[in-house]
C-alpha atoms as a PDB file:
ATOM      1  CA  MET A   1     104.222 143.030  53.738  1.00  0.00           C
ATOM      2  CA  HIS A   2     102.730 144.875  50.812  1.00  0.00           C
ATOM      3  CA  GLU A   3     104.500 145.902  47.637  1.00  0.00           C
ATOM      4  CA  PHE A   4     104.710 148.962  45.442  1.00  0.00           C
ATOM      5  CA  TYR A   5     102.908 149.138  42.126  1.00  0.00           C
ATOM      6  CA  ARG A   6     105.056 148.173  39.150  1.00  0.00           C
ATOM      7  CA  PRO A   7     103.875 148.855  35.586  1.00  0.00           C
ATOM      8  CA  SER A   8     103.196 145.663  33.658  1.00  0.00           C
ATOM      9  CA  GLY A   9     105.123 146.784  30.590  1.00  0.00           C
ATOM     10  CA  HIS A  10     102.027 146.361  28.399  1.00  0.00           C
ATOM     11  CA  LYS A  11     102.403 147.978  25.001  1.00  0.00           C
ATOM     12  CA  THR A  12     100.924 147.782  21.525  1.00  0.00           C
ATOM     13  CA  ALA A  13     101.691 149.323  18.153  1.00  0.00           C
ATOM     14  CA  ALA A  14      99.505 152.246  19.264  1.00  0.00           C
ATOM     15  CA  ALA A  15     102.396 153.333  21.486  1.00  0.00           C
ATOM     16  CA  LEU A  16     104.068 154.720  18.362  1.00  0.00           C
ATOM     17  CA  ALA A  17     101.509 157.549  18.532  1.00  0.00           C
ATOM     18  CA  ILE A  18     103.684 158.980  21.315  1.00  0.00           C
ATOM     19  CA  ILE A  19     106.288 159.998  18.721  1.00  0.00           C
ATOM     20  CA  PRO A  20     104.069 162.301  16.615  1.00  0.00           C
ATOM     21  CA  ALA A  21     102.376 163.626  19.746  1.00  0.00           C
ATOM     22  CA  ALA A  22     105.734 164.660  21.196  1.00  0.00           C
ATOM     23  CA  ALA A  23     106.885 165.964  17.812  1.00  0.00           C
ATOM     24  CA  VAL A  24     103.811 168.156  17.385  1.00  0.00           C
ATOM     25  CA  ALA A  25     104.034 169.494  20.944  1.00  0.00           C
ATOM     26  CA  SER A  26     107.748 170.235  20.666  1.00  0.00           C
ATOM     27  CA  ALA A  27     107.348 171.805  17.218  1.00  0.00           C
ATOM     28  CA  ILE A  28     104.563 174.120  18.397  1.00  0.00           C
ATOM     29  CA  LEU A  29     106.601 175.207  21.417  1.00  0.00           C
ATOM     30  CA  ALA A  30     109.923 175.435  19.534  1.00  0.00           C
ATOM     31  CA  PRO A  31     109.684 179.020  18.236  1.00  0.00           C
ATOM     32  CA  PHE A  32     108.457 180.328  21.579  1.00  0.00           C
ATOM     33  CA  TYR A  33     111.318 178.621  23.405  1.00  0.00           C
ATOM     34  CA  ALA A  34     113.768 179.945  20.798  1.00  0.00           C
ATOM     35  CA  ALA A  35     112.574 183.534  21.211  1.00  0.00           C
ATOM     36  CA  LEU A  36     112.579 183.397  25.008  1.00  0.00           C
ATOM     37  CA  SER A  37     115.999 181.759  25.026  1.00  0.00           C
ATOM     38  CA  LEU A  38     117.431 184.468  22.782  1.00  0.00           C
ATOM     39  CA  TYR A  39     115.854 187.507  24.412  1.00  0.00           C
ATOM     40  CA  ILE A  40     116.546 186.306  27.945  1.00  0.00           C
ATOM     41  CA  PRO A  41     120.225 185.459  27.313  1.00  0.00           C
ATOM     42  CA  LEU A  42     120.971 184.483  30.906  1.00  0.00           C
ATOM     43  CA  ILE A  43     122.447 181.027  31.234  1.00  0.00           C
ATOM     44  CA  TYR A  44     120.649 180.510  34.544  1.00  0.00           C
ATOM     45  CA  ALA A  45     117.248 181.449  33.124  1.00  0.00           C
ATOM     46  CA  ASN A  46     117.850 179.159  30.156  1.00  0.00           C
ATOM     47  CA  THR A  47     118.196 176.216  32.518  1.00  0.00           C
ATOM     48  CA  PHE A  48     114.603 176.709  33.687  1.00  0.00           C
ATOM     49  CA  LEU A  49     113.348 177.516  30.186  1.00  0.00           C
ATOM     50  CA  VAL A  50     114.726 174.359  28.599  1.00  0.00           C
ATOM     51  CA  ALA A  51     113.598 172.222  31.557  1.00  0.00           C
ATOM     52  CA  GLY A  52     110.080 173.641  31.237  1.00  0.00           C
ATOM     53  CA  TYR A  53     110.130 173.087  27.480  1.00  0.00           C
ATOM     54  CA  GLY A  54     111.076 169.449  27.937  1.00  0.00           C
ATOM     55  CA  ALA A  55     108.559 168.901  30.733  1.00  0.00           C
ATOM     56  CA  LEU A  56     105.679 170.249  28.621  1.00  0.00           C
ATOM     57  CA  VAL A  57     106.645 167.996  25.713  1.00  0.00           C
ATOM     58  CA  GLY A  58     106.907 165.040  28.088  1.00  0.00           C
ATOM     59  CA  PHE A  59     103.524 165.880  29.597  1.00  0.00           C
ATOM     60  CA  VAL A  60     101.837 165.651  26.179  1.00  0.00           C
ATOM     61  CA  ALA A  61     103.736 162.450  25.395  1.00  0.00           C
ATOM     62  CA  GLY A  62     102.728 161.010  28.767  1.00  0.00           C
ATOM     63  CA  LYS A  63      99.059 161.760  28.155  1.00  0.00           C
ATOM     64  CA  THR A  64      99.383 159.912  24.852  1.00  0.00           C
ATOM     65  CA  ALA A  65     101.059 156.998  26.648  1.00  0.00           C
ATOM     66  CA  LYS A  66      98.078 156.762  28.989  1.00  0.00           C
ATOM     67  CA  ALA A  67      95.596 157.062  26.109  1.00  0.00           C
ATOM     68  CA  THR A  68      97.301 154.172  24.306  1.00  0.00           C
ATOM     69  CA  ILE A  69      97.656 152.120  27.531  1.00  0.00           C
ATOM     70  CA  THR A  70     101.422 152.103  27.212  1.00  0.00           C
ATOM     71  CA  LEU A  71     102.497 150.768  30.612  1.00  0.00           C
ATOM     72  CA  SER A  72     106.234 150.739  29.946  1.00  0.00           C
ATOM     73  CA  PRO A  73     107.898 153.889  31.354  1.00  0.00           C
ATOM     74  CA  PRO A  74     111.215 153.288  29.522  1.00  0.00           C
ATOM     75  CA  LEU A  75     109.425 152.898  26.185  1.00  0.00           C
ATOM     76  CA  ALA A  76     107.234 155.951  26.780  1.00  0.00           C
ATOM     77  CA  GLY A  77     110.299 158.009  27.686  1.00  0.00           C
ATOM     78  CA  LEU A  78     112.229 156.850  24.622  1.00  0.00           C
ATOM     79  CA  LEU A  79     109.359 157.527  22.209  1.00  0.00           C
ATOM     80  CA  ALA A  80     108.847 160.959  23.787  1.00  0.00           C
ATOM     81  CA  LEU A  81     112.491 161.755  23.068  1.00  0.00           C
ATOM     82  CA  LEU A  82     112.319 160.575  19.461  1.00  0.00           C
ATOM     83  CA  GLY A  83     109.444 162.984  18.848  1.00  0.00           C
ATOM     84  CA  GLY A  84     110.703 165.742  21.122  1.00  0.00           C
ATOM     85  CA  TRP A  85     114.091 165.969  19.427  1.00  0.00           C
ATOM     86  CA  ILE A  86     112.329 167.007  16.220  1.00  0.00           C
ATOM     87  CA  GLY A  87     110.980 170.119  17.885  1.00  0.00           C
ATOM     88  CA  PHE A  88     114.277 170.764  19.654  1.00  0.00           C
ATOM     89  CA  ALA A  89     115.992 170.851  16.256  1.00  0.00           C
ATOM     90  CA  LEU A  90     113.354 173.299  15.049  1.00  0.00           C
ATOM     91  CA  SER A  91     114.049 175.527  18.049  1.00  0.00           C
ATOM     92  CA  TRP A  92     117.707 175.665  17.024  1.00  0.00           C
ATOM     93  CA  ALA A  93     116.789 176.655  13.472  1.00  0.00           C
ATOM     94  CA  CYS A  94     114.443 179.377  14.702  1.00  0.00           C
ATOM     95  CA  TRP A  95     116.978 180.613  17.274  1.00  0.00           C
ATOM     96  CA  LEU A  96     119.777 180.942  14.718  1.00  0.00           C
ATOM     97  CA  GLU A  97     117.707 182.642  12.046  1.00  0.00           C
ATOM     98  CA  LEU A  98     116.112 184.957  14.599  1.00  0.00           C
ATOM     99  CA  PHE A  99     119.537 185.907  15.947  1.00  0.00           C
ATOM    100  CA  TYR A 100     120.844 186.855  12.521  1.00  0.00           C
ATOM    101  CA  GLU A 101     117.623 188.491  11.393  1.00  0.00           C
ATOM    102  CA  HIS A 102     116.868 190.615  14.437  1.00  0.00           C
ATOM    103  CA  GLY A 103     119.867 190.347  16.747  1.00  0.00           C
ATOM    104  CA  ASN A 104     119.827 189.350  20.396  1.00  0.00           C
ATOM    105  CA  GLY A 105     118.030 192.413  21.677  1.00  0.00           C
ATOM    106  CA  PHE A 106     114.962 194.535  20.978  1.00  0.00           C
ATOM    107  CA  ALA A 107     117.001 197.654  20.206  1.00  0.00           C
ATOM    108  CA  ASN A 108     116.449 197.486  16.460  1.00  0.00           C
ATOM    109  CA  THR A 109     113.191 195.605  16.274  1.00  0.00           C
ATOM    110  CA  SER A 110     109.841 195.289  17.983  1.00  0.00           C
ATOM    111  CA  ALA A 111     108.216 192.407  19.791  1.00  0.00           C
ATOM    112  CA  GLU A 112     105.548 192.382  17.070  1.00  0.00           C
ATOM    113  CA  GLU A 113     108.178 191.875  14.359  1.00  0.00           C
ATOM    114  CA  VAL A 114     109.774 189.069  16.327  1.00  0.00           C
ATOM    115  CA  ALA A 115     106.389 187.406  16.812  1.00  0.00           C
ATOM    116  CA  ARG A 116     105.640 187.571  13.098  1.00  0.00           C
ATOM    117  CA  PHE A 117     109.022 186.042  12.353  1.00  0.00           C
ATOM    118  CA  VAL A 118     108.870 183.099  14.738  1.00  0.00           C
ATOM    119  CA  LEU A 119     105.283 182.254  13.801  1.00  0.00           C
ATOM    120  CA  ASP A 120     106.195 181.864  10.123  1.00  0.00           C
ATOM    121  CA  PRO A 121     108.290 178.673   9.874  1.00  0.00           C
ATOM    122  CA  ARG A 122     108.996 179.355   6.189  1.00  0.00           C
ATOM    123  CA  LEU A 123     111.407 182.080   7.325  1.00  0.00           C
ATOM    124  CA  TRP A 124     113.642 179.792   9.387  1.00  0.00           C
ATOM    125  CA  ILE A 125     112.974 176.093   8.870  1.00  0.00           C
ATOM    126  CA  GLY A 126     115.107 175.821   5.730  1.00  0.00           C
ATOM    127  CA  ILE A 127     118.378 176.007   7.665  1.00  0.00           C
ATOM    128  CA  LEU A 128     117.804 172.487   8.979  1.00  0.00           C
ATOM    129  CA  PHE A 129     118.065 171.091   5.465  1.00  0.00           C
ATOM    130  CA  ASP A 130     121.259 172.942   4.583  1.00  0.00           C
ATOM    131  CA  PRO A 131     124.177 171.727   6.738  1.00  0.00           C
ATOM    132  CA  GLU A 132     126.575 174.254   5.218  1.00  0.00           C
ATOM    133  CA  GLU A 133     124.308 177.184   6.074  1.00  0.00           C
ATOM    134  CA  PHE A 134     123.750 175.784   9.550  1.00  0.00           C
ATOM    135  CA  LYS A 135     127.507 175.581  10.087  1.00  0.00           C
ATOM    136  CA  TYR A 136     127.947 179.093   8.663  1.00  0.00           C
ATOM    137  CA  PHE A 137     125.472 180.445  11.225  1.00  0.00           C
ATOM    138  CA  VAL A 138     126.821 178.536  14.228  1.00  0.00           C
ATOM    139  CA  GLU A 139     130.558 179.106  13.810  1.00  0.00           C
ATOM    140  CA  PRO A 140     130.631 182.891  14.539  1.00  0.00           C
ATOM    141  CA  ILE A 141     128.552 182.405  17.681  1.00  0.00           C
ATOM    142  CA  TYR A 142     130.815 179.552  18.777  1.00  0.00           C
ATOM    143  CA  GLU A 143     133.902 181.736  18.290  1.00  0.00           C
ATOM    144  CA  ARG A 144     132.602 185.040  19.707  1.00  0.00           C
ATOM    145  CA  GLY A 145     130.226 183.703  22.328  1.00  0.00           C
ATOM    146  CA  LEU A 146     126.868 185.025  23.414  1.00  0.00           C
ATOM    147  CA  TRP A 147     126.221 184.518  27.125  1.00  0.00           C
ATOM    148  CA  THR A 148     128.064 186.058  30.014  1.00  0.00           C
ATOM    149  CA  ILE A 149     128.474 184.454  33.404  1.00  0.00           C
ATOM    150  CA  GLY A 150     129.329 185.738  36.853  1.00  0.00           C
ATOM    151  CA  LYS A 151     130.166 189.245  37.999  1.00  0.00           C
ATOM    152  CA  SER A 152     133.160 189.427  35.688  1.00  0.00           C
ATOM    153  CA  ASN A 153     130.819 189.288  32.661  1.00  0.00           C
ATOM    154  CA  SER A 154     133.136 186.769  31.035  1.00  0.00           C
ATOM    155  CA  VAL A 155     131.748 185.668  27.686  1.00  0.00           C
ATOM    156  CA  ILE A 156     131.205 181.938  27.206  1.00  0.00           C
ATOM    157  CA  ARG A 157     132.692 180.847  23.890  1.00  0.00           C
ATOM    158  CA  GLY A 158     134.334 177.871  22.247  1.00  0.00           C
ATOM    159  CA  LEU A 159     134.270 174.527  24.035  1.00  0.00           C
ATOM    160  CA  PRO A 160     132.589 175.903  27.192  1.00  0.00           C
ATOM    161  CA  LEU A 161     129.765 177.239  25.009  1.00  0.00           C
ATOM    162  CA  ALA A 162     129.486 173.884  23.243  1.00  0.00           C
ATOM    163  CA  GLY A 163     129.316 172.315  26.696  1.00  0.00           C
ATOM    164  CA  VAL A 164     126.431 174.618  27.611  1.00  0.00           C
ATOM    165  CA  TRP A 165     124.573 173.566  24.469  1.00  0.00           C
ATOM    166  CA  VAL A 166     125.136 169.885  25.276  1.00  0.00           C
ATOM    167  CA  VAL A 167     123.882 170.417  28.832  1.00  0.00           C
ATOM    168  CA  GLU A 168     120.772 172.210  27.538  1.00  0.00           C
ATOM    169  CA  PHE A 169     120.064 169.291  25.212  1.00  0.00           C
ATOM    170  CA  GLY A 170     120.543 166.911  28.127  1.00  0.00           C
ATOM    171  CA  ILE A 171     118.188 168.893  30.366  1.00  0.00           C
ATOM    172  CA  PHE A 172     115.533 168.954  27.653  1.00  0.00           C
ATOM    173  CA  SER A 173     115.869 165.202  27.084  1.00  0.00           C
ATOM    174  CA  LEU A 174     115.862 164.376  30.788  1.00  0.00           C
ATOM    175  CA  SER A 175     112.807 166.553  31.500  1.00  0.00           C
ATOM    176  CA  ALA A 176     110.830 165.175  28.555  1.00  0.00           C
ATOM    177  CA  GLY A 177     111.749 161.569  29.286  1.00  0.00           C
ATOM    178  CA  ILE A 178     110.931 161.771  32.982  1.00  0.00           C
ATOM    179  CA  ALA A 179     107.610 163.555  32.418  1.00  0.00           C
ATOM    180  CA  ALA A 180     106.499 160.952  29.863  1.00  0.00           C
ATOM    181  CA  SER A 181     107.700 157.887  31.766  1.00  0.00           C
ATOM    182  CA  THR A 182     106.133 159.115  35.010  1.00  0.00           C
ATOM    183  CA  GLN A 183     102.666 159.078  33.450  1.00  0.00           C
ATOM    184  CA  ALA A 184     103.273 155.683  31.839  1.00  0.00           C
ATOM    185  CA  GLY A 185     104.039 154.416  35.341  1.00  0.00           C
ATOM    186  CA  TYR A 186     100.729 155.619  36.804  1.00  0.00           C
ATOM    187  CA  PRO A 187      98.787 152.746  38.480  1.00  0.00           C
ATOM    188  CA  TYR A 188      96.645 150.843  35.982  1.00  0.00           C
ATOM    189  CA  SER A 189      94.251 148.068  36.991  1.00  0.00           C
ATOM    190  CA  ALA A 190      93.968 145.269  34.427  1.00  0.00           C
ATOM    191  CA  GLU A 191      90.909 143.968  36.311  1.00  0.00           C
ATOM    192  CA  ALA A 192      89.094 147.294  35.874  1.00  0.00           C
ATOM    193  CA  GLY A 193      90.670 148.064  32.512  1.00  0.00           C
ATOM    194  CA  ALA A 194      91.338 151.600  33.719  1.00  0.00           C
ATOM    195  CA  PHE A 195      93.792 153.819  35.535  1.00  0.00           C
ATOM    196  CA  LEU A 196      93.091 154.293  39.229  1.00  0.00           C
ATOM    197  CA  LYS A 197      91.396 157.492  40.378  1.00  0.00           C
ATOM    198  CA  VAL A 198      92.870 159.759  43.026  1.00  0.00           C
ATOM    199  CA  GLU A 199      90.667 160.048  46.107  1.00  0.00           C
ATOM    200  CA  PRO A 200      90.669 163.211  48.242  1.00  0.00           C
ATOM    201  CA  GLU A 201      93.370 163.133  50.913  1.00  0.00           C
ATOM    202  CA  LEU A 202      91.911 161.571  54.040  1.00  0.00           C
ATOM    203  CA  PRO A 203      90.945 164.363  56.467  1.00  0.00           C
ATOM    204  CA  ARG A 204      92.828 162.955  59.441  1.00  0.00           C
ATOM    205  CA  GLY A 205      96.289 161.504  59.898  1.00  0.00           C
ATOM    206  CA  ALA A 206      97.800 158.760  61.997  1.00  0.00           C
ATOM    207  CA  ALA A 207      99.643 160.091  65.035  1.00  0.00           C
ATOM    208  CA  LEU A 208     103.409 159.810  65.231  1.00  0.00           C
ATOM    209  CA  PRO A 209     104.697 157.358  67.865  1.00  0.00           C
ATOM    210  CA  ALA A 210     106.014 159.100  70.963  1.00  0.00           C
ATOM    211  CA  GLU A 211     109.274 157.143  71.091  1.00  0.00           C
ATOM    212  CA  LYS A 212     111.874 157.901  68.447  1.00  0.00           C
ATOM    213  CA  SER A 213     112.809 154.254  68.105  1.00  0.00           C
ATOM    214  CA  ALA A 214     109.164 153.368  67.448  1.00  0.00           C
ATOM    215  CA  LEU A 215     108.903 156.240  64.940  1.00  0.00           C
ATOM    216  CA  ASP A 216     111.961 154.942  63.112  1.00  0.00           C
ATOM    217  CA  ASP A 217     110.402 151.480  62.942  1.00  0.00           C
ATOM    218  CA  VAL A 218     107.118 152.815  61.519  1.00  0.00           C
ATOM    219  CA  VAL A 219     108.897 154.984  58.951  1.00  0.00           C
ATOM    220  CA  ARG A 220     111.008 152.002  57.902  1.00  0.00           C
ATOM    221  CA  ASP A 221     107.869 149.864  57.528  1.00  0.00           C
ATOM    222  CA  ILE A 222     106.155 152.517  55.407  1.00  0.00           C
ATOM    223  CA  LEU A 223     109.213 152.779  53.178  1.00  0.00           C
ATOM    224  CA  LEU A 224     108.815 149.015  52.653  1.00  0.00           C
ATOM    225  CA  ALA A 225     105.087 149.471  51.842  1.00  0.00           C
ATOM    226  CA  LYS A 226     104.010 147.913  55.148  1.00  0.00           C
ATOM    227  CA  LEU A 227     101.130 150.186  56.173  1.00  0.00           C
ATOM    228  CA  ASP A 228      99.411 148.267  58.994  1.00  0.00           C
ATOM    229  CA  TYR A 229     100.225 151.012  61.527  1.00  0.00           C
ATOM    230  CA  LEU A 230      97.994 153.469  59.660  1.00  0.00           C
ATOM    231  CA  ALA A 231      94.874 151.368  60.282  1.00  0.00           C
ATOM    232  CA  THR A 232      95.383 151.162  64.062  1.00  0.00           C
ATOM    233  CA  ALA A 233      97.200 154.326  65.202  1.00  0.00           C
ATOM    234  CA  PRO A 234      95.444 157.179  67.048  1.00  0.00           C
ATOM    235  CA  GLN A 235      94.105 159.949  64.848  1.00  0.00           C
ATOM    236  CA  VAL A 236      95.276 163.543  64.501  1.00  0.00           C
ATOM    237  CA  GLU A 237      93.596 166.439  62.749  1.00  0.00           C
ATOM    238  CA  ARG A 238      94.908 167.816  59.461  1.00  0.00           C
ATOM    239  CA  GLY A 239      98.083 169.851  59.857  1.00  0.00           C
ATOM    240  CA  GLU A 240      99.156 168.198  63.090  1.00  0.00           C
ATOM    241  CA  PRO A 241     102.285 166.008  63.111  1.00  0.00           C
ATOM    242  CA  GLY A 242     101.441 162.594  61.717  1.00  0.00           C
ATOM    243  CA  PHE A 243     101.175 160.364  58.662  1.00  0.00           C
ATOM    244  CA  TYR A 244      98.702 161.482  55.966  1.00  0.00           C
ATOM    245  CA  VAL A 245      97.360 159.221  53.251  1.00  0.00           C
ATOM    246  CA  THR A 246      96.089 159.722  49.706  1.00  0.00           C
ATOM    247  CA  LEU A 247      94.438 156.673  48.151  1.00  0.00           C
ATOM    248  CA  ARG A 248      93.955 155.698  44.519  1.00  0.00           C
ATOM    249  CA  SER A 249      91.207 153.252  43.636  1.00  0.00           C
ATOM    250  CA  HIS A 250      88.671 152.153  41.033  1.00  0.00           C
ATOM    251  CA  ASP A 251      85.271 150.526  41.438  1.00  0.00           C
ATOM    252  CA  GLY A 252      86.274 147.561  39.286  1.00  0.00           C
ATOM    253  CA  SER A 253      89.642 146.948  40.888  1.00  0.00           C
ATOM    254  CA  PRO A 254      90.256 144.608  43.857  1.00  0.00           C
ATOM    255  CA  TRP A 255      93.291 146.658  44.883  1.00  0.00           C
ATOM    256  CA  GLY A 256      94.423 150.244  45.083  1.00  0.00           C
ATOM    257  CA  THR A 257      97.448 152.268  46.060  1.00  0.00           C
ATOM    258  CA  ALA A 258      98.399 154.612  48.871  1.00  0.00           C
ATOM    259  CA  ASP A 259     100.715 157.603  49.050  1.00  0.00           C
ATOM    260  CA  VAL A 260     101.988 158.443  52.519  1.00  0.00           C
ATOM    261  CA  THR A 261     103.325 161.839  53.612  1.00  0.00           C
ATOM    262  CA  ILE A 262     104.836 162.553  57.020  1.00  0.00           C
ATOM    263  CA  VAL A 263     104.246 165.942  58.659  1.00  0.00           C
ATOM    264  CA  SER A 264     106.590 166.911  61.482  1.00  0.00           C
ATOM    265  CA  LYS A 265     107.453 170.083  63.347  1.00  0.00           C
ATOM    266  CA  LYS A 266     110.841 171.541  64.232  1.00  0.00           C
ATOM    267  CA  GLY A 267     110.200 174.498  66.485  1.00  0.00           C
ATOM    268  CA  LYS A 268     107.650 176.660  64.685  1.00  0.00           C
ATOM    269  CA  LYS A 269     108.516 175.175  61.280  1.00  0.00           C
ATOM    270  CA  THR A 270     106.294 172.491  59.732  1.00  0.00           C
ATOM    271  CA  GLU A 271     107.982 170.013  57.414  1.00  0.00           C
ATOM    272  CA  LYS A 272     106.338 167.642  54.929  1.00  0.00           C
ATOM    273  CA  ARG A 273     108.074 164.700  53.309  1.00  0.00           C
ATOM    274  CA  SER A 274     106.817 161.968  51.013  1.00  0.00           C
ATOM    275  CA  LEU A 275     107.518 158.510  52.418  1.00  0.00           C
ATOM    276  CA  ALA A 276     105.753 156.190  49.995  1.00  0.00           C
ATOM    277  CA  ARG A 277     104.136 156.406  46.579  1.00  0.00           C
ATOM    278  CA  TYR A 278     101.963 153.760  44.942  1.00  0.00           C
ATOM    279  CA  ALA A 279     102.055 151.284  47.842  1.00  0.00           C
ATOM    280  CA  LEU A 280      99.751 148.397  46.888  1.00  0.00           C
ATOM    281  CA  LEU A 281      96.797 147.684  49.172  1.00  0.00           C
ATOM    282  CA  PRO A 282      93.914 145.191  48.898  1.00  0.00           C
ATOM    283  CA  ASN A 283      90.462 146.726  49.169  1.00  0.00           C
ATOM    284  CA  ASN A 284      89.940 145.522  52.750  1.00  0.00           C
ATOM    285  CA  ALA A 285      93.110 147.305  53.889  1.00  0.00           C
ATOM    286  CA  MET A 286      92.036 150.474  52.078  1.00  0.00           C
ATOM    287  CA  THR A 287      88.623 150.268  53.755  1.00  0.00           C
ATOM    288  CA  ALA A 288      90.272 149.933  57.173  1.00  0.00           C
ATOM    289  CA  ILE A 289      92.394 153.031  56.568  1.00  0.00           C
ATOM    290  CA  ARG A 290      89.384 155.018  55.288  1.00  0.00           C
ATOM    291  CA  GLN A 291      87.348 154.095  58.353  1.00  0.00           C
ATOM    292  CA  ARG A 292      90.193 154.956  60.684  1.00  0.00           C
ATOM    293  CA  LEU A 293      91.239 158.276  59.137  1.00  0.00           C
ATOM    294  CA  GLY A 294      88.111 159.334  57.270  1.00  0.00           C
END
């Protein structure tokens, strides 16, 4: 039975570079997120906006994790948050000042004026260093509300609004942390001193067993990283029901990994589902699968 790749946890002081990388990325994106969040005041749209904001910050942090060979997903995620929260605070400052300077609509201002405002941090960054002013700006919004929800157009205010803000912060943090830790968990070969390279998906798949009980057994084996069936099963052409494999390898590494996707059909509908990711394979097993499905 094979195993799945597990990051070694390797880290050095260079990992601290993830913090400024995330901070810079989140700070650059902060005013744009603030403006979009204010001028698209739909709570549902904000969910996607803040998730995208966090994911972009985490992506930059993750690239830095890979550049510094930080192979500890929890550490990469934590450092991404420490930097990302700086930009998230900036987005709050920009959002509040923009709201009071130009309102929450374009009725009395132009997009050009808004752009000039958000791109000049001197106009809004000061609120972060003045807790009293920050409180003075937040309290009226907390009491009166801003967003509406549902067909009744009920305004969200008070504790429910505070709950929305907490959820937004949580979504940002979760998105940034996951995006950064995912890249830190990418397969790295100590023997090659490099991350594995993704090979093109093999052009053919391994046919599904005819019997459901046999199919269940093969799926269970794949979920346990036991991939022997793939090197011996009959072949099917791309798009037909079967198991499809994407390999990751490196010339200097004695092992690689395999991702396995199952394609099945229900009536005229084709369904794809990932079964395994980063299953460890020695080079001879990878060669057997390439020869069989290549």
